[in-house]
């Protein structure tokens, strides 16, 4: 009987793969609707720069010392980096052609506490063209807090096995609280005259819930652990437009979990 069964195995059956071919592809499916949650750590670099220049120029408006010596350009506030944990969620959709996977997602992210501040002061003596000596003191301070932000990202990846490495690019919008304060004092003395004191005068600008657009880029990897459940690890960079002259960028590493419907 064994010889009879062996005789039934034709060369054509073997060539067609009836006994040895694996009909399943070497990757899992990633197409369809997906949603999930994530946690991470963010570092916000804040460049305060000349955020108070406009306020100093306003205090010294129509003055000779501002027109000739420009105290509004003297103070450059330092940059600094602050860190915070964050949490959020995402919802998206994928389309798949063999190993190529493209899609988009919308994410929401909320830092636990991501706030930066800076201050500086400078005192200079200048003489203007009208032969008046000015002893000018400029003091500046600023603060910025990121409340939360949302992203809209386009993604492209290549599936192999249970892994989907991907790159993404897109847009963001952040919600900030900010405050800037400038104080100016000018003790000016005409040639051979007596000293006149101007100020100190202070100007403060602040706003809560100020929105700023941004640019998003980064990459990551999804790992399927069940047919419809995956884990995620990714890095994301966000650069926001200036908020009242204050620039900020965000570097975030996060992990998450999602489901595919």
C-alpha atoms as a PDB file:
ATOM      1  CA  UNK A   1       0.000   0.000   0.000  1.00  0.00           C
ATOM      2  CA  UNK A   2       2.888   2.332   0.822  1.00  0.00           C
ATOM      3  CA  UNK A   3       4.290   1.810  -2.662  1.00  0.00           C
ATOM      4  CA  UNK A   4       0.875   2.603  -4.123  1.00  0.00           C
ATOM      5  CA  UNK A   5       0.597   5.923  -2.168  1.00  0.00           C
ATOM      6  CA  UNK A   6       4.100   6.908  -3.178  1.00  0.00           C
ATOM      7  CA  UNK A   7       3.251   6.275  -6.768  1.00  0.00           C
ATOM      8  CA  UNK A   8       0.303   8.654  -6.445  1.00  0.00           C
ATOM      9  CA  UNK A   9       2.686  11.550  -5.575  1.00  0.00           C
ATOM     10  CA  UNK A  10       3.351  12.973  -9.004  1.00  0.00           C
ATOM     11  CA  UNK A  11       6.082  15.430  -9.846  1.00  0.00           C
ATOM     12  CA  UNK A  12       3.400  17.911 -10.802  1.00  0.00           C
ATOM     13  CA  UNK A  13       1.966  17.851  -7.261  1.00  0.00           C
ATOM     14  CA  UNK A  14       5.360  18.692  -5.762  1.00  0.00           C
ATOM     15  CA  UNK A  15       6.059  21.435  -8.268  1.00  0.00           C
ATOM     16  CA  UNK A  16       2.674  22.998  -7.590  1.00  0.00           C
ATOM     17  CA  UNK A  17       3.531  23.076  -3.834  1.00  0.00           C
ATOM     18  CA  UNK A  18       0.646  20.905  -2.716  1.00  0.00           C
ATOM     19  CA  UNK A  19       2.713  19.546   0.178  1.00  0.00           C
ATOM     20  CA  UNK A  20       5.405  22.152   0.942  1.00  0.00           C
ATOM     21  CA  UNK A  21       4.091  25.673   0.165  1.00  0.00           C
ATOM     22  CA  UNK A  22       3.061  27.999   3.013  1.00  0.00           C
ATOM     23  CA  UNK A  23       0.005  29.940   1.810  1.00  0.00           C
ATOM     24  CA  UNK A  24       0.268  32.653   4.528  1.00  0.00           C
ATOM     25  CA  UNK A  25       2.325  35.836   3.864  1.00  0.00           C
ATOM     26  CA  UNK A  26       5.328  36.738   6.002  1.00  0.00           C
ATOM     27  CA  UNK A  27       3.546  39.669   7.692  1.00  0.00           C
ATOM     28  CA  UNK A  28       0.354  40.474   9.595  1.00  0.00           C
ATOM     29  CA  UNK A  29      -2.444  42.726   8.408  1.00  0.00           C
ATOM     30  CA  UNK A  30      -2.417  46.343   9.598  1.00  0.00           C
ATOM     31  CA  UNK A  31      -5.218  47.853   7.520  1.00  0.00           C
ATOM     32  CA  UNK A  32      -8.377  49.292   8.985  1.00  0.00           C
ATOM     33  CA  UNK A  33      -9.396  51.532  11.856  1.00  0.00           C
ATOM     34  CA  UNK A  34      -7.189  51.624  14.945  1.00  0.00           C
ATOM     35  CA  UNK A  35      -7.213  53.388  18.311  1.00  0.00           C
ATOM     36  CA  UNK A  36      -5.121  53.355  21.450  1.00  0.00           C
ATOM     37  CA  UNK A  37      -3.505  55.130  24.406  1.00  0.00           C
ATOM     38  CA  UNK A  38       0.076  56.098  25.182  1.00  0.00           C
ATOM     39  CA  UNK A  39       2.367  57.507  27.869  1.00  0.00           C
ATOM     40  CA  UNK A  40       5.761  59.123  27.506  1.00  0.00           C
ATOM     41  CA  UNK A  41       8.323  61.706  28.554  1.00  0.00           C
ATOM     42  CA  UNK A  42       8.751  65.074  26.815  1.00  0.00           C
ATOM     43  CA  UNK A  43      11.545  67.613  26.843  1.00  0.00           C
ATOM     44  CA  UNK A  44      10.510  71.146  25.867  1.00  0.00           C
ATOM     45  CA  UNK A  45      13.234  73.538  24.709  1.00  0.00           C
ATOM     46  CA  UNK A  46      12.064  77.125  25.080  1.00  0.00           C
ATOM     47  CA  UNK A  47      13.848  80.022  23.380  1.00  0.00           C
ATOM     48  CA  UNK A  48      12.651  83.276  24.935  1.00  0.00           C
ATOM     49  CA  UNK A  49      15.019  85.392  22.811  1.00  0.00           C
ATOM     50  CA  UNK A  50      13.811  88.977  22.444  1.00  0.00           C
ATOM     51  CA  UNK A  51      10.280  88.239  23.654  1.00  0.00           C
ATOM     52  CA  UNK A  52      10.107  91.537  25.593  1.00  0.00           C
ATOM     53  CA  UNK A  53      11.605  93.785  22.892  1.00  0.00           C
ATOM     54  CA  UNK A  54       8.239  95.143  21.812  1.00  0.00           C
ATOM     55  CA  UNK A  55       7.328  96.075  25.365  1.00  0.00           C
ATOM     56  CA  UNK A  56      10.634  97.889  25.964  1.00  0.00           C
ATOM     57  CA  UNK A  57      10.227  99.741  22.688  1.00  0.00           C
ATOM     58  CA  UNK A  58       6.706 100.753  23.731  1.00  0.00           C
ATOM     59  CA  UNK A  59       7.873 102.113  27.101  1.00  0.00           C
ATOM     60  CA  UNK A  60      10.623 104.153  25.379  1.00  0.00           C
ATOM     61  CA  UNK A  61       8.531 105.126  22.331  1.00  0.00           C
ATOM     62  CA  UNK A  62       9.372 108.456  20.679  1.00  0.00           C
ATOM     63  CA  UNK A  63      12.514 108.801  22.820  1.00  0.00           C
ATOM     64  CA  UNK A  64      15.958 109.727  21.542  1.00  0.00           C
ATOM     65  CA  UNK A  65      17.641 106.959  23.497  1.00  0.00           C
ATOM     66  CA  UNK A  66      15.459 104.291  21.835  1.00  0.00           C
ATOM     67  CA  UNK A  67      15.886 105.794  18.363  1.00  0.00           C
ATOM     68  CA  UNK A  68      19.683 105.948  18.664  1.00  0.00           C
ATOM     69  CA  UNK A  69      20.752 103.278  21.178  1.00  0.00           C
ATOM     70  CA  UNK A  70      17.819 100.811  20.847  1.00  0.00           C
ATOM     71  CA  UNK A  71      17.600  99.467  24.433  1.00  0.00           C
ATOM     72  CA  UNK A  72      14.782  97.236  23.172  1.00  0.00           C
ATOM     73  CA  UNK A  73      17.450  95.087  21.482  1.00  0.00           C
ATOM     74  CA  UNK A  74      19.760  94.805  24.499  1.00  0.00           C
ATOM     75  CA  UNK A  75      18.097  92.021  26.436  1.00  0.00           C
ATOM     76  CA  UNK A  76      18.182  88.472  25.081  1.00  0.00           C
ATOM     77  CA  UNK A  77      16.554  86.037  27.447  1.00  0.00           C
ATOM     78  CA  UNK A  78      18.204  82.608  27.712  1.00  0.00           C
ATOM     79  CA  UNK A  79      16.859  79.294  26.462  1.00  0.00           C
ATOM     80  CA  UNK A  80      16.185  76.356  28.745  1.00  0.00           C
ATOM     81  CA  UNK A  81      14.829  72.814  28.659  1.00  0.00           C
ATOM     82  CA  UNK A  82      12.180  71.380  30.961  1.00  0.00           C
ATOM     83  CA  UNK A  83      10.929  67.788  31.171  1.00  0.00           C
ATOM     84  CA  UNK A  84       7.608  66.207  32.002  1.00  0.00           C
ATOM     85  CA  UNK A  85       5.697  62.975  31.740  1.00  0.00           C
ATOM     86  CA  UNK A  86       2.714  63.029  29.396  1.00  0.00           C
ATOM     87  CA  UNK A  87      -0.268  60.879  28.470  1.00  0.00           C
ATOM     88  CA  UNK A  88      -2.746  60.765  25.615  1.00  0.00           C
ATOM     89  CA  UNK A  89      -4.503  58.748  22.966  1.00  0.00           C
ATOM     90  CA  UNK A  90      -4.822  58.315  19.217  1.00  0.00           C
ATOM     91  CA  UNK A  91      -7.218  57.155  16.521  1.00  0.00           C
ATOM     92  CA  UNK A  92      -6.251  56.439  12.934  1.00  0.00           C
ATOM     93  CA  UNK A  93      -6.751  54.448   9.759  1.00  0.00           C
ATOM     94  CA  UNK A  94      -4.357  52.313   7.688  1.00  0.00           C
ATOM     95  CA  UNK A  95      -4.418  51.111   4.084  1.00  0.00           C
ATOM     96  CA  UNK A  96      -2.164  48.178   3.150  1.00  0.00           C
ATOM     97  CA  UNK A  97      -0.731  46.910  -0.132  1.00  0.00           C
ATOM     98  CA  UNK A  98       1.290  43.751   0.556  1.00  0.00           C
ATOM     99  CA  UNK A  99       4.050  44.932   2.937  1.00  0.00           C
ATOM    100  CA  UNK A 100       3.470  48.674   2.337  1.00  0.00           C
ATOM    101  CA  UNK A 101       1.236  50.350   4.915  1.00  0.00           C
ATOM    102  CA  UNK A 102       0.138  53.997   4.721  1.00  0.00           C
ATOM    103  CA  UNK A 103      -2.337  55.857   6.857  1.00  0.00           C
ATOM    104  CA  UNK A 104      -3.008  58.759   9.186  1.00  0.00           C
ATOM    105  CA  UNK A 105      -3.772  59.321  12.831  1.00  0.00           C
ATOM    106  CA  UNK A 106      -5.055  62.055  15.116  1.00  0.00           C
ATOM    107  CA  UNK A 107      -3.499  62.261  18.567  1.00  0.00           C
ATOM    108  CA  UNK A 108      -4.085  64.140  21.809  1.00  0.00           C
ATOM    109  CA  UNK A 109      -1.274  64.698  24.336  1.00  0.00           C
ATOM    110  CA  UNK A 110      -1.302  66.291  27.775  1.00  0.00           C
ATOM    111  CA  UNK A 111       1.894  66.933  29.788  1.00  0.00           C
ATOM    112  CA  UNK A 112       1.653  66.687  33.552  1.00  0.00           C
ATOM    113  CA  UNK A 113       3.643  69.926  34.006  1.00  0.00           C
ATOM    114  CA  UNK A 114       5.679  71.506  31.231  1.00  0.00           C
ATOM    115  CA  UNK A 115       6.567  75.118  32.076  1.00  0.00           C
ATOM    116  CA  UNK A 116       9.672  77.247  31.475  1.00  0.00           C
ATOM    117  CA  UNK A 117      10.734  80.731  32.571  1.00  0.00           C
ATOM    118  CA  UNK A 118      13.675  83.099  32.168  1.00  0.00           C
ATOM    119  CA  UNK A 119      14.785  86.533  33.325  1.00  0.00           C
ATOM    120  CA  UNK A 120      17.619  88.956  32.603  1.00  0.00           C
ATOM    121  CA  UNK A 121      18.690  92.541  33.227  1.00  0.00           C
ATOM    122  CA  UNK A 122      21.236  94.919  31.773  1.00  0.00           C
ATOM    123  CA  UNK A 123      22.426  98.406  32.735  1.00  0.00           C
ATOM    124  CA  UNK A 124      24.256 100.597  30.210  1.00  0.00           C
ATOM    125  CA  UNK A 125      25.368 104.224  29.993  1.00  0.00           C
ATOM    126  CA  UNK A 126      25.012 105.828  26.556  1.00  0.00           C
ATOM    127  CA  UNK A 127      25.279 109.386  25.267  1.00  0.00           C
ATOM    128  CA  UNK A 128      22.861 110.475  22.582  1.00  0.00           C
ATOM    129  CA  UNK A 129      23.418 113.048  19.815  1.00  0.00           C
ATOM    130  CA  UNK A 130      21.792 115.785  21.918  1.00  0.00           C
ATOM    131  CA  UNK A 131      24.686 115.441  24.423  1.00  0.00           C
ATOM    132  CA  UNK A 132      22.513 113.793  27.049  1.00  0.00           C
ATOM    133  CA  UNK A 133      23.966 110.927  29.077  1.00  0.00           C
ATOM    134  CA  UNK A 134      21.523 108.101  29.793  1.00  0.00           C
ATOM    135  CA  UNK A 135      21.936 105.488  32.501  1.00  0.00           C
ATOM    136  CA  UNK A 136      19.425 102.893  31.276  1.00  0.00           C
ATOM    137  CA  UNK A 137      18.388  99.797  33.220  1.00  0.00           C
ATOM    138  CA  UNK A 138      16.324  97.160  31.412  1.00  0.00           C
ATOM    139  CA  UNK A 139      14.819  94.165  33.233  1.00  0.00           C
ATOM    140  CA  UNK A 140      12.920  91.398  31.440  1.00  0.00           C
ATOM    141  CA  UNK A 141      11.202  88.165  32.382  1.00  0.00           C
ATOM    142  CA  UNK A 142       9.010  85.640  30.571  1.00  0.00           C
ATOM    143  CA  UNK A 143       7.271  82.316  31.143  1.00  0.00           C
ATOM    144  CA  UNK A 144       5.602  79.727  28.921  1.00  0.00           C
ATOM    145  CA  UNK A 145       3.488  76.694  29.832  1.00  0.00           C
ATOM    146  CA  UNK A 146       2.309  74.021  27.405  1.00  0.00           C
ATOM    147  CA  UNK A 147      -1.153  72.884  28.501  1.00  0.00           C
ATOM    148  CA  UNK A 148      -1.762  70.242  25.821  1.00  0.00           C
ATOM    149  CA  UNK A 149      -1.465  69.682  22.090  1.00  0.00           C
ATOM    150  CA  UNK A 150      -3.040  67.724  19.255  1.00  0.00           C
ATOM    151  CA  UNK A 151      -1.408  66.219  16.164  1.00  0.00           C
ATOM    152  CA  UNK A 152      -2.514  65.138  12.704  1.00  0.00           C
ATOM    153  CA  UNK A 153       0.089  62.802  11.194  1.00  0.00           C
ATOM    154  CA  UNK A 154       0.508  60.944   7.910  1.00  0.00           C
ATOM    155  CA  UNK A 155       2.347  57.634   8.355  1.00  0.00           C
ATOM    156  CA  UNK A 156       4.109  55.179   6.045  1.00  0.00           C
ATOM    157  CA  UNK A 157       5.571  51.826   7.087  1.00  0.00           C
ATOM    158  CA  UNK A 158       6.807  48.445   5.882  1.00  0.00           C
ATOM    159  CA  UNK A 159       5.413  45.299   7.486  1.00  0.00           C
ATOM    160  CA  UNK A 160       7.502  42.217   8.161  1.00  0.00           C
ATOM    161  CA  UNK A 161       6.564  39.452  10.537  1.00  0.00           C
ATOM    162  CA  UNK A 162       4.711  40.977  13.446  1.00  0.00           C
ATOM    163  CA  UNK A 163       6.551  44.308  13.154  1.00  0.00           C
ATOM    164  CA  UNK A 164       5.589  47.557  11.424  1.00  0.00           C
ATOM    165  CA  UNK A 165       8.349  50.200  11.516  1.00  0.00           C
ATOM    166  CA  UNK A 166       7.079  53.558  10.247  1.00  0.00           C
ATOM    167  CA  UNK A 167       7.891  57.210   9.715  1.00  0.00           C
ATOM    168  CA  UNK A 168       5.449  60.063  10.140  1.00  0.00           C
ATOM    169  CA  UNK A 169       5.069  63.742   9.297  1.00  0.00           C
ATOM    170  CA  UNK A 170       2.258  66.171   9.931  1.00  0.00           C
ATOM    171  CA  UNK A 171       0.900  69.191  11.768  1.00  0.00           C
ATOM    172  CA  UNK A 172       0.200  70.082  15.385  1.00  0.00           C
ATOM    173  CA  UNK A 173      -1.597  72.709  17.393  1.00  0.00           C
ATOM    174  CA  UNK A 174      -0.562  73.540  20.960  1.00  0.00           C
ATOM    175  CA  UNK A 175      -2.375  75.373  23.774  1.00  0.00           C
ATOM    176  CA  UNK A 176      -0.169  77.636  25.894  1.00  0.00           C
ATOM    177  CA  UNK A 177      -0.237  80.054  28.805  1.00  0.00           C
ATOM    178  CA  UNK A 178       2.362  82.821  28.586  1.00  0.00           C
ATOM    179  CA  UNK A 179       3.496  85.969  30.369  1.00  0.00           C
ATOM    180  CA  UNK A 180       6.167  88.568  29.543  1.00  0.00           C
ATOM    181  CA  UNK A 181       7.216  91.549  31.660  1.00  0.00           C
ATOM    182  CA  UNK A 182       9.591  94.435  30.886  1.00  0.00           C
ATOM    183  CA  UNK A 183      10.753  97.203  33.233  1.00  0.00           C
ATOM    184  CA  UNK A 184      12.762 100.257  32.122  1.00  0.00           C
ATOM    185  CA  UNK A 185      14.461 102.994  34.132  1.00  0.00           C
ATOM    186  CA  UNK A 186      16.355 105.887  32.509  1.00  0.00           C
ATOM    187  CA  UNK A 187      18.364 108.393  34.546  1.00  0.00           C
ATOM    188  CA  UNK A 188      19.331 111.031  32.000  1.00  0.00           C
ATOM    189  CA  UNK A 189      21.650 113.972  32.523  1.00  0.00           C
ATOM    190  CA  UNK A 190      22.112 116.834  30.018  1.00  0.00           C
ATOM    191  CA  UNK A 191      25.624 118.181  29.565  1.00  0.00           C
ATOM    192  CA  UNK A 192      26.286 120.371  32.616  1.00  0.00           C
ATOM    193  CA  UNK A 193      22.709 119.865  33.863  1.00  0.00           C
ATOM    194  CA  UNK A 194      20.889 117.980  36.584  1.00  0.00           C
ATOM    195  CA  UNK A 195      19.737 114.363  36.399  1.00  0.00           C
ATOM    196  CA  UNK A 196      16.124 113.555  35.565  1.00  0.00           C
ATOM    197  CA  UNK A 197      14.646 110.197  36.509  1.00  0.00           C
ATOM    198  CA  UNK A 198      12.374 108.335  34.117  1.00  0.00           C
ATOM    199  CA  UNK A 199      10.577 105.322  35.553  1.00  0.00           C
ATOM    200  CA  UNK A 200      10.916 102.641  36.432  1.00  0.00           C
ATOM    201  CA  UNK A 201       8.002 101.826  34.129  1.00  0.00           C
ATOM    202  CA  UNK A 202       6.701  98.291  33.706  1.00  0.00           C
ATOM    203  CA  UNK A 203       4.667  96.647  30.962  1.00  0.00           C
ATOM    204  CA  UNK A 204       3.216  93.124  31.330  1.00  0.00           C
ATOM    205  CA  UNK A 205       1.521  90.982  28.706  1.00  0.00           C
ATOM    206  CA  UNK A 206      -0.072  87.637  29.515  1.00  0.00           C
ATOM    207  CA  UNK A 207      -2.626  85.269  28.057  1.00  0.00           C
ATOM    208  CA  UNK A 208      -4.107  81.892  28.877  1.00  0.00           C
ATOM    209  CA  UNK A 209      -5.192  79.380  26.242  1.00  0.00           C
ATOM    210  CA  UNK A 210      -3.163  80.842  23.386  1.00  0.00           C
ATOM    211  CA  UNK A 211      -3.064  78.489  20.394  1.00  0.00           C
ATOM    212  CA  UNK A 212      -0.043  77.993  18.120  1.00  0.00           C
ATOM    213  CA  UNK A 213       0.375  75.737  15.054  1.00  0.00           C
ATOM    214  CA  UNK A 214       3.335  73.422  14.668  1.00  0.00           C
ATOM    215  CA  UNK A 215       5.196  70.875  12.555  1.00  0.00           C
ATOM    216  CA  UNK A 216       5.509  67.172  13.483  1.00  0.00           C
ATOM    217  CA  UNK A 217       8.014  64.508  12.385  1.00  0.00           C
ATOM    218  CA  UNK A 218       9.299  61.247  13.814  1.00  0.00           C
ATOM    219  CA  UNK A 219       9.233  57.485  13.633  1.00  0.00           C
ATOM    220  CA  UNK A 220       8.404  54.350  15.551  1.00  0.00           C
ATOM    221  CA  UNK A 221       7.427  50.703  15.431  1.00  0.00           C
ATOM    222  CA  UNK A 222       4.188  48.811  16.062  1.00  0.00           C
ATOM    223  CA  UNK A 223       4.376  45.190  17.229  1.00  0.00           C
ATOM    224  CA  UNK A 224       1.387  42.862  16.853  1.00  0.00           C
ATOM    225  CA  UNK A 225       0.899  40.694  19.958  1.00  0.00           C
ATOM    226  CA  UNK A 226      -2.576  39.444  18.984  1.00  0.00           C
ATOM    227  CA  UNK A 227      -4.386  39.562  15.626  1.00  0.00           C
ATOM    228  CA  UNK A 228      -6.080  42.862  16.589  1.00  0.00           C
ATOM    229  CA  UNK A 229      -3.865  44.136  19.435  1.00  0.00           C
ATOM    230  CA  UNK A 230      -0.500  45.871  19.094  1.00  0.00           C
ATOM    231  CA  UNK A 231       2.119  47.667  21.169  1.00  0.00           C
ATOM    232  CA  UNK A 232       3.808  50.893  20.030  1.00  0.00           C
ATOM    233  CA  UNK A 233       7.104  52.677  20.686  1.00  0.00           C
ATOM    234  CA  UNK A 234       7.921  55.960  18.973  1.00  0.00           C
ATOM    235  CA  UNK A 235       9.871  59.223  18.943  1.00  0.00           C
ATOM    236  CA  UNK A 236       8.144  62.475  17.984  1.00  0.00           C
ATOM    237  CA  UNK A 237       9.516  65.974  17.325  1.00  0.00           C
ATOM    238  CA  UNK A 238       7.229  69.031  17.322  1.00  0.00           C
ATOM    239  CA  UNK A 239       8.254  72.602  16.471  1.00  0.00           C
ATOM    240  CA  UNK A 240       5.654  75.224  17.389  1.00  0.00           C
ATOM    241  CA  UNK A 241       5.265  78.668  15.850  1.00  0.00           C
ATOM    242  CA  UNK A 242       6.305  81.554  18.169  1.00  0.00           C
ATOM    243  CA  UNK A 243       3.874  82.426  20.959  1.00  0.00           C
ATOM    244  CA  UNK A 244       4.219  86.149  21.690  1.00  0.00           C
ATOM    245  CA  UNK A 245       7.793  85.923  20.396  1.00  0.00           C
ATOM    246  CA  UNK A 246       8.644  82.754  22.385  1.00  0.00           C
ATOM    247  CA  UNK A 247       9.724  79.704  20.380  1.00  0.00           C
ATOM    248  CA  UNK A 248       9.381  76.149  21.671  1.00  0.00           C
ATOM    249  CA  UNK A 249      10.187  72.663  20.412  1.00  0.00           C
ATOM    250  CA  UNK A 250       9.187  69.329  21.882  1.00  0.00           C
ATOM    251  CA  UNK A 251      11.042  65.990  21.854  1.00  0.00           C
ATOM    252  CA  UNK A 252       8.948  63.058  23.062  1.00  0.00           C
ATOM    253  CA  UNK A 253       9.588  59.355  23.545  1.00  0.00           C
ATOM    254  CA  UNK A 254       6.497  57.272  24.262  1.00  0.00           C
ATOM    255  CA  UNK A 255       5.066  53.773  24.435  1.00  0.00           C
ATOM    256  CA  UNK A 256       1.479  52.749  23.895  1.00  0.00           C
ATOM    257  CA  UNK A 257      -1.021  50.028  23.104  1.00  0.00           C
ATOM    258  CA  UNK A 258      -3.772  49.901  20.521  1.00  0.00           C
ATOM    259  CA  UNK A 259      -6.461  47.781  18.931  1.00  0.00           C
ATOM    260  CA  UNK A 260      -7.320  47.325  15.262  1.00  0.00           C
ATOM    261  CA  UNK A 261     -10.966  47.061  14.239  1.00  0.00           C
END
